[in-house]
Amino acid sequence: MMMSWIRTSSYFVIAEVLGLLGFILVAKYVGGLGRYVPLVIALGAVGAIAWAVGKARSYREIAYVSIVVSIVLVAFVQLLGRTVFPGLVKGTDLLSASNITESAVLVALGFAAHLVILSVSRMLRADAKTVVGRAT
């Protein structure tokens, strides 16, 4: 059972990292609303993944997936900002109080967003028997 939420987390991380990288790379060359196309595609992929796995996950697994994906994505943005794209974390030190606070807020917001997306997907995909709470 443990592998299932880890696999689900990896699907979300891959989709969201590709969306972020696409946005960064496309934004260099495309102006206007065209630069948001990779983010919209990533949002669609996240929605499709949530819809596909929503029914099969318990709320505990949904919480695990939400926190793991949020922490990995914030760590990935920090890594990208420190190595390849310095504009992502411009003007902050790695262990400064402001950077730690901003990272914690981003993890909390990411956790809440993933929790809502997966929970709504689970509720929409639930059978009538599981909504009532007892098998008939």
N, C-alpha and C. Protein backbone atom coordinates (compact mmCIF):
# COMPACT_ATOMS: atom_id res chain seq x y z
N MET A 1 0.82 -1.20 0.00
CA MET A 1 0.00 0.00 0.00
C MET A 1 0.86 1.26 0.00
N MET A 2 2.07 1.16 0.60
CA MET A 2 2.92 2.33 0.67
C MET A 2 3.38 2.77 -0.71
N MET A 3 3.65 1.83 -1.59
CA MET A 3 4.13 2.18 -2.91
C MET A 3 3.11 2.97 -3.72
N SER A 4 1.85 2.75 -3.45
CA SER A 4 0.84 3.42 -4.27
C SER A 4 0.86 4.93 -4.08
N TRP A 5 0.99 5.41 -2.85
CA TRP A 5 1.01 6.86 -2.68
C TRP A 5 2.34 7.45 -3.09
N ILE A 6 3.41 6.66 -3.00
CA ILE A 6 4.70 7.15 -3.48
C ILE A 6 4.68 7.27 -5.00
N ARG A 7 4.08 6.29 -5.67
CA ARG A 7 3.96 6.34 -7.13
C ARG A 7 3.09 7.53 -7.54
N THR A 8 1.99 7.74 -6.84
CA THR A 8 1.12 8.87 -7.14
C THR A 8 1.86 10.19 -6.95
N SER A 9 2.65 10.28 -5.87
CA SER A 9 3.44 11.50 -5.64
C SER A 9 4.40 11.75 -6.78
N SER A 10 5.03 10.69 -7.27
CA SER A 10 5.99 10.87 -8.36
C SER A 10 5.28 11.34 -9.63
N TYR A 11 4.07 10.88 -9.89
CA TYR A 11 3.33 11.36 -11.06
C TYR A 11 3.06 12.86 -10.96
N PHE A 12 2.62 13.29 -9.78
CA PHE A 12 2.36 14.72 -9.59
C PHE A 12 3.64 15.54 -9.73
N VAL A 13 4.72 15.07 -9.11
CA VAL A 13 5.99 15.82 -9.16
C VAL A 13 6.47 15.94 -10.60
N ILE A 14 6.42 14.86 -11.36
CA ILE A 14 6.88 14.91 -12.75
C ILE A 14 6.05 15.90 -13.56
N ALA A 15 4.74 15.84 -13.43
CA ALA A 15 3.87 16.74 -14.19
C ALA A 15 4.12 18.20 -13.81
N GLU A 16 4.27 18.47 -12.53
CA GLU A 16 4.43 19.85 -12.09
C GLU A 16 5.82 20.39 -12.37
N VAL A 17 6.84 19.54 -12.26
CA VAL A 17 8.20 19.98 -12.59
C VAL A 17 8.32 20.28 -14.07
N LEU A 18 7.74 19.43 -14.91
CA LEU A 18 7.77 19.69 -16.35
C LEU A 18 7.02 20.98 -16.70
N GLY A 19 5.91 21.24 -16.02
CA GLY A 19 5.19 22.49 -16.23
C GLY A 19 6.01 23.70 -15.83
N LEU A 20 6.71 23.60 -14.70
CA LEU A 20 7.56 24.70 -14.24
C LEU A 20 8.72 24.93 -15.19
N LEU A 21 9.39 23.86 -15.59
CA LEU A 21 10.51 24.01 -16.53
C LEU A 21 10.04 24.55 -17.87
N GLY A 22 8.90 24.06 -18.34
CA GLY A 22 8.34 24.58 -19.59
C GLY A 22 8.03 26.06 -19.50
N PHE A 23 7.45 26.47 -18.39
CA PHE A 23 7.13 27.88 -18.19
C PHE A 23 8.40 28.73 -18.19
N ILE A 24 9.43 28.28 -17.49
CA ILE A 24 10.67 29.04 -17.41
C ILE A 24 11.32 29.17 -18.79
N LEU A 25 11.37 28.06 -19.51
CA LEU A 25 12.04 28.08 -20.81
C LEU A 25 11.23 28.83 -21.86
N VAL A 26 9.91 28.65 -21.86
CA VAL A 26 9.07 29.34 -22.85
C VAL A 26 8.99 30.83 -22.56
N ALA A 27 9.01 31.22 -21.29
CA ALA A 27 8.90 32.64 -20.93
C ALA A 27 10.09 33.45 -21.42
N LYS A 28 11.22 32.79 -21.64
CA LYS A 28 12.38 33.51 -22.17
C LYS A 28 12.16 33.97 -23.61
N TYR A 29 11.38 33.22 -24.37
CA TYR A 29 11.26 33.48 -25.80
C TYR A 29 9.88 33.95 -26.24
N VAL A 30 8.86 33.68 -25.46
CA VAL A 30 7.49 34.01 -25.86
C VAL A 30 6.94 35.04 -24.87
N GLY A 31 6.36 36.08 -25.40
CA GLY A 31 5.75 37.08 -24.55
C GLY A 31 4.25 36.89 -24.48
N GLY A 32 3.60 37.68 -23.69
CA GLY A 32 2.15 37.64 -23.59
C GLY A 32 1.64 36.39 -22.89
N LEU A 33 0.45 35.98 -23.29
CA LEU A 33 -0.18 34.84 -22.63
C LEU A 33 0.38 33.49 -23.09
N GLY A 34 1.14 33.48 -24.17
CA GLY A 34 1.70 32.24 -24.68
C GLY A 34 2.65 31.56 -23.71
N ARG A 35 3.26 32.34 -22.83
CA ARG A 35 4.21 31.75 -21.89
C ARG A 35 3.52 30.91 -20.82
N TYR A 36 2.22 31.05 -20.67
CA TYR A 36 1.50 30.28 -19.65
C TYR A 36 0.99 28.93 -20.16
N VAL A 37 1.19 28.64 -21.44
CA VAL A 37 0.71 27.38 -22.01
C VAL A 37 1.26 26.16 -21.28
N PRO A 38 2.57 26.08 -20.95
CA PRO A 38 3.05 24.91 -20.20
C PRO A 38 2.39 24.75 -18.83
N LEU A 39 2.08 25.87 -18.18
CA LEU A 39 1.42 25.78 -16.89
C LEU A 39 -0.01 25.27 -17.02
N VAL A 40 -0.69 25.68 -18.07
CA VAL A 40 -2.06 25.19 -18.31
C VAL A 40 -2.04 23.70 -18.63
N ILE A 41 -1.06 23.27 -19.43
CA ILE A 41 -0.93 21.85 -19.73
C ILE A 41 -0.62 21.06 -18.46
N ALA A 42 0.27 21.59 -17.61
CA ALA A 42 0.59 20.92 -16.35
C ALA A 42 -0.63 20.86 -15.43
N LEU A 43 -1.43 21.93 -15.41
CA LEU A 43 -2.64 21.93 -14.60
C LEU A 43 -3.62 20.87 -15.09
N GLY A 44 -3.74 20.73 -16.40
CA GLY A 44 -4.58 19.67 -16.96
C GLY A 44 -4.06 18.29 -16.61
N ALA A 45 -2.74 18.13 -16.64
CA ALA A 45 -2.15 16.83 -16.26
C ALA A 45 -2.38 16.52 -14.79
N VAL A 46 -2.24 17.53 -13.94
CA VAL A 46 -2.50 17.33 -12.51
C VAL A 46 -3.96 16.96 -12.28
N GLY A 47 -4.86 17.64 -12.97
CA GLY A 47 -6.28 17.30 -12.85
C GLY A 47 -6.58 15.88 -13.32
N ALA A 48 -5.95 15.48 -14.43
CA ALA A 48 -6.16 14.12 -14.95
C ALA A 48 -5.60 13.07 -13.99
N ILE A 49 -4.43 13.35 -13.42
CA ILE A 49 -3.86 12.41 -12.45
C ILE A 49 -4.75 12.33 -11.22
N ALA A 50 -5.22 13.47 -10.73
CA ALA A 50 -6.09 13.47 -9.55
C ALA A 50 -7.38 12.70 -9.84
N TRP A 51 -7.93 12.88 -11.02
CA TRP A 51 -9.15 12.17 -11.39
C TRP A 51 -8.90 10.66 -11.48
N ALA A 52 -7.75 10.28 -12.02
CA ALA A 52 -7.44 8.86 -12.20
C ALA A 52 -7.20 8.14 -10.88
N VAL A 53 -6.59 8.82 -9.93
CA VAL A 53 -6.24 8.15 -8.67
C VAL A 53 -7.16 8.53 -7.52
N GLY A 54 -8.10 9.42 -7.75
CA GLY A 54 -8.93 9.94 -6.66
C GLY A 54 -9.75 8.89 -5.95
N LYS A 55 -10.32 7.97 -6.67
CA LYS A 55 -11.20 6.99 -6.06
C LYS A 55 -10.43 5.95 -5.24
N ALA A 56 -9.21 5.68 -5.64
CA ALA A 56 -8.45 4.60 -5.02
C ALA A 56 -7.66 5.04 -3.79
N ARG A 57 -7.66 6.29 -3.43
CA ARG A 57 -6.84 6.78 -2.33
C ARG A 57 -7.68 7.09 -1.10
N SER A 58 -7.15 6.76 0.06
CA SER A 58 -7.78 7.14 1.32
C SER A 58 -7.37 8.58 1.64
N TYR A 59 -8.02 9.17 2.62
CA TYR A 59 -7.67 10.54 2.98
C TYR A 59 -6.27 10.60 3.59
N ARG A 60 -5.84 9.55 4.26
CA ARG A 60 -4.47 9.51 4.80
C ARG A 60 -3.46 9.53 3.65
N GLU A 61 -3.69 8.73 2.62
CA GLU A 61 -2.79 8.73 1.47
C GLU A 61 -2.81 10.07 0.74
N ILE A 62 -3.99 10.68 0.67
CA ILE A 62 -4.10 12.00 0.05
C ILE A 62 -3.25 13.02 0.81
N ALA A 63 -3.26 12.96 2.13
CA ALA A 63 -2.44 13.86 2.94
C ALA A 63 -0.95 13.59 2.71
N TYR A 64 -0.57 12.31 2.65
CA TYR A 64 0.83 11.96 2.38
C TYR A 64 1.27 12.51 1.03
N VAL A 65 0.47 12.27 0.00
CA VAL A 65 0.81 12.74 -1.34
C VAL A 65 0.93 14.27 -1.34
N SER A 66 0.01 14.94 -0.69
CA SER A 66 0.01 16.40 -0.68
C SER A 66 1.26 16.98 -0.04
N ILE A 67 1.66 16.44 1.10
CA ILE A 67 2.83 17.00 1.79
C ILE A 67 4.11 16.66 1.05
N VAL A 68 4.22 15.43 0.54
CA VAL A 68 5.45 15.04 -0.17
C VAL A 68 5.63 15.87 -1.44
N VAL A 69 4.57 16.02 -2.22
CA VAL A 69 4.67 16.79 -3.46
C VAL A 69 5.01 18.25 -3.16
N SER A 70 4.41 18.82 -2.15
CA SER A 70 4.68 20.22 -1.81
C SER A 70 6.13 20.43 -1.39
N ILE A 71 6.64 19.55 -0.55
CA ILE A 71 8.03 19.69 -0.09
C ILE A 71 9.00 19.50 -1.24
N VAL A 72 8.76 18.49 -2.07
CA VAL A 72 9.67 18.23 -3.20
C VAL A 72 9.66 19.39 -4.18
N LEU A 73 8.50 19.96 -4.46
CA LEU A 73 8.45 21.07 -5.42
C LEU A 73 9.14 22.33 -4.89
N VAL A 74 8.95 22.64 -3.63
CA VAL A 74 9.64 23.81 -3.07
C VAL A 74 11.15 23.57 -3.05
N ALA A 75 11.58 22.37 -2.71
CA ALA A 75 13.01 22.06 -2.73
C ALA A 75 13.55 22.13 -4.16
N PHE A 76 12.76 21.70 -5.13
CA PHE A 76 13.18 21.76 -6.53
C PHE A 76 13.33 23.20 -7.01
N VAL A 77 12.41 24.06 -6.64
CA VAL A 77 12.51 25.47 -7.00
C VAL A 77 13.74 26.09 -6.36
N GLN A 78 14.01 25.75 -5.11
CA GLN A 78 15.22 26.26 -4.45
C GLN A 78 16.48 25.78 -5.16
N LEU A 79 16.49 24.50 -5.54
CA LEU A 79 17.65 23.95 -6.24
C LEU A 79 17.84 24.62 -7.61
N LEU A 80 16.75 24.76 -8.35
CA LEU A 80 16.85 25.45 -9.65
C LEU A 80 17.31 26.89 -9.49
N GLY A 81 16.78 27.56 -8.49
CA GLY A 81 17.13 28.96 -8.27
C GLY A 81 18.57 29.14 -7.83
N ARG A 82 19.12 28.17 -7.18
CA ARG A 82 20.51 28.27 -6.72
C ARG A 82 21.51 27.83 -7.78
N THR A 83 21.05 27.06 -8.77
CA THR A 83 22.00 26.50 -9.75
C THR A 83 21.78 27.04 -11.15
N VAL A 84 20.65 26.79 -11.76
CA VAL A 84 20.45 27.04 -13.19
C VAL A 84 19.78 28.38 -13.47
N PHE A 85 18.71 28.69 -12.75
CA PHE A 85 17.93 29.90 -13.01
C PHE A 85 17.94 30.79 -11.77
N PRO A 86 18.95 31.64 -11.60
CA PRO A 86 19.07 32.43 -10.38
C PRO A 86 17.94 33.45 -10.17
N GLY A 87 17.15 33.72 -11.18
CA GLY A 87 16.05 34.66 -11.01
C GLY A 87 14.90 34.11 -10.16
N LEU A 88 14.87 32.80 -9.96
CA LEU A 88 13.77 32.21 -9.18
C LEU A 88 13.86 32.56 -7.70
N VAL A 89 15.05 32.66 -7.17
CA VAL A 89 15.23 32.97 -5.75
C VAL A 89 16.15 34.17 -5.59
N LYS A 90 15.87 35.18 -6.35
CA LYS A 90 16.71 36.38 -6.40
C LYS A 90 16.74 37.08 -5.05
N GLY A 91 17.94 37.40 -4.60
CA GLY A 91 18.10 38.23 -3.41
C GLY A 91 17.87 37.53 -2.09
N THR A 92 17.92 36.22 -2.05
CA THR A 92 17.74 35.52 -0.78
C THR A 92 18.91 34.58 -0.53
N ASP A 93 19.23 34.40 0.73
CA ASP A 93 20.22 33.42 1.13
C ASP A 93 19.51 32.13 1.46
N LEU A 94 20.20 31.02 1.32
CA LEU A 94 19.58 29.71 1.52
C LEU A 94 19.03 29.54 2.92
N LEU A 95 19.79 29.95 3.91
CA LEU A 95 19.37 29.74 5.30
C LEU A 95 18.93 31.02 5.99
N SER A 96 18.48 32.00 5.24
CA SER A 96 17.98 33.22 5.86
C SER A 96 16.57 32.99 6.40
N ALA A 97 16.21 33.79 7.37
CA ALA A 97 14.89 33.65 8.00
C ALA A 97 13.77 33.92 7.00
N SER A 98 13.97 34.90 6.13
CA SER A 98 12.92 35.22 5.16
C SER A 98 12.74 34.10 4.15
N ASN A 99 13.84 33.47 3.70
CA ASN A 99 13.73 32.37 2.75
C ASN A 99 13.06 31.15 3.39
N ILE A 100 13.40 30.86 4.62
CA ILE A 100 12.78 29.73 5.32
C ILE A 100 11.30 29.98 5.53
N THR A 101 10.94 31.21 5.88
CA THR A 101 9.53 31.56 6.07
C THR A 101 8.75 31.46 4.76
N GLU A 102 9.32 32.01 3.69
CA GLU A 102 8.66 31.93 2.39
C GLU A 102 8.51 30.49 1.92
N SER A 103 9.53 29.68 2.14
CA SER A 103 9.45 28.27 1.75
C SER A 103 8.39 27.54 2.55
N ALA A 104 8.30 27.84 3.84
CA ALA A 104 7.28 27.19 4.68
C ALA A 104 5.88 27.59 4.24
N VAL A 105 5.70 28.85 3.88
CA VAL A 105 4.39 29.30 3.40
C VAL A 105 4.05 28.62 2.07
N LEU A 106 5.04 28.49 1.18
CA LEU A 106 4.80 27.81 -0.10
C LEU A 106 4.46 26.34 0.10
N VAL A 107 5.13 25.69 1.03
CA VAL A 107 4.81 24.28 1.33
C VAL A 107 3.39 24.18 1.86
N ALA A 108 3.00 25.08 2.75
CA ALA A 108 1.65 25.05 3.31
C ALA A 108 0.59 25.30 2.23
N LEU A 109 0.84 26.28 1.36
CA LEU A 109 -0.11 26.55 0.28
C LEU A 109 -0.19 25.39 -0.71
N GLY A 110 0.96 24.81 -1.04
CA GLY A 110 0.97 23.65 -1.94
C GLY A 110 0.27 22.46 -1.32
N PHE A 111 0.49 22.24 -0.03
CA PHE A 111 -0.20 21.16 0.67
C PHE A 111 -1.71 21.36 0.62
N ALA A 112 -2.16 22.58 0.91
CA ALA A 112 -3.60 22.85 0.91
C ALA A 112 -4.19 22.68 -0.49
N ALA A 113 -3.48 23.16 -1.50
CA ALA A 113 -3.99 23.04 -2.88
C ALA A 113 -4.09 21.59 -3.32
N HIS A 114 -3.05 20.81 -3.07
CA HIS A 114 -3.10 19.39 -3.46
C HIS A 114 -4.14 18.63 -2.64
N LEU A 115 -4.26 18.98 -1.37
CA LEU A 115 -5.26 18.33 -0.53
C LEU A 115 -6.67 18.59 -1.05
N VAL A 116 -6.94 19.81 -1.43
CA VAL A 116 -8.27 20.15 -1.96
C VAL A 116 -8.52 19.45 -3.29
N ILE A 117 -7.54 19.50 -4.20
CA ILE A 117 -7.72 18.87 -5.52
C ILE A 117 -7.98 17.37 -5.38
N LEU A 118 -7.17 16.70 -4.58
CA LEU A 118 -7.33 15.25 -4.43
C LEU A 118 -8.58 14.88 -3.65
N SER A 119 -8.93 15.67 -2.64
CA SER A 119 -10.14 15.38 -1.86
C SER A 119 -11.40 15.57 -2.70
N VAL A 120 -11.44 16.65 -3.47
CA VAL A 120 -12.60 16.87 -4.33
C VAL A 120 -12.69 15.77 -5.38
N SER A 121 -11.55 15.38 -5.93
CA SER A 121 -11.55 14.30 -6.90
C SER A 121 -12.05 13.00 -6.27
N ARG A 122 -11.63 12.73 -5.04
CA ARG A 122 -12.08 11.52 -4.36
C ARG A 122 -13.58 11.57 -4.10
N MET A 123 -14.08 12.73 -3.68
CA MET A 123 -15.51 12.83 -3.41
C MET A 123 -16.34 12.70 -4.68
N LEU A 124 -15.86 13.27 -5.78
CA LEU A 124 -16.60 13.18 -7.03
C LEU A 124 -16.58 11.77 -7.61
N ARG A 125 -15.52 11.02 -7.33
CA ARG A 125 -15.40 9.67 -7.87
C ARG A 125 -15.97 8.60 -6.95
N ALA A 126 -16.39 8.97 -5.77
CA ALA A 126 -16.86 8.00 -4.78
C ALA A 126 -18.19 7.37 -5.22
N ASP A 127 -18.35 6.12 -4.87
CA ASP A 127 -19.63 5.44 -5.11
C ASP A 127 -20.65 5.91 -4.09
N ALA A 128 -21.89 5.68 -4.37
CA ALA A 128 -22.96 6.06 -3.44
C ALA A 128 -22.81 5.30 -2.12
N LYS A 129 -22.30 4.08 -2.17
CA LYS A 129 -22.13 3.29 -0.95
C LYS A 129 -21.10 3.92 -0.02
N THR A 130 -20.01 4.44 -0.57
CA THR A 130 -18.98 5.02 0.28
C THR A 130 -19.37 6.40 0.77
N VAL A 131 -20.23 7.09 0.05
CA VAL A 131 -20.68 8.41 0.50
C VAL A 131 -21.54 8.27 1.73
N VAL A 132 -22.43 7.27 1.73
CA VAL A 132 -23.32 7.04 2.87
C VAL A 132 -22.51 6.57 4.06
N GLY A 133 -21.44 5.83 3.81
CA GLY A 133 -20.60 5.39 4.91
C GLY A 133 -20.84 3.97 5.34
N ARG A 134 -21.75 3.29 4.69
CA ARG A 134 -21.98 1.88 5.06
C ARG A 134 -22.32 1.12 3.79
N ALA A 135 -21.93 -0.13 3.77
CA ALA A 135 -22.22 -0.98 2.62
C ALA A 135 -23.65 -1.47 2.70
N THR A 136 -24.32 -1.52 1.57
CA THR A 136 -25.71 -2.01 1.55
C THR A 136 -25.80 -3.29 0.80
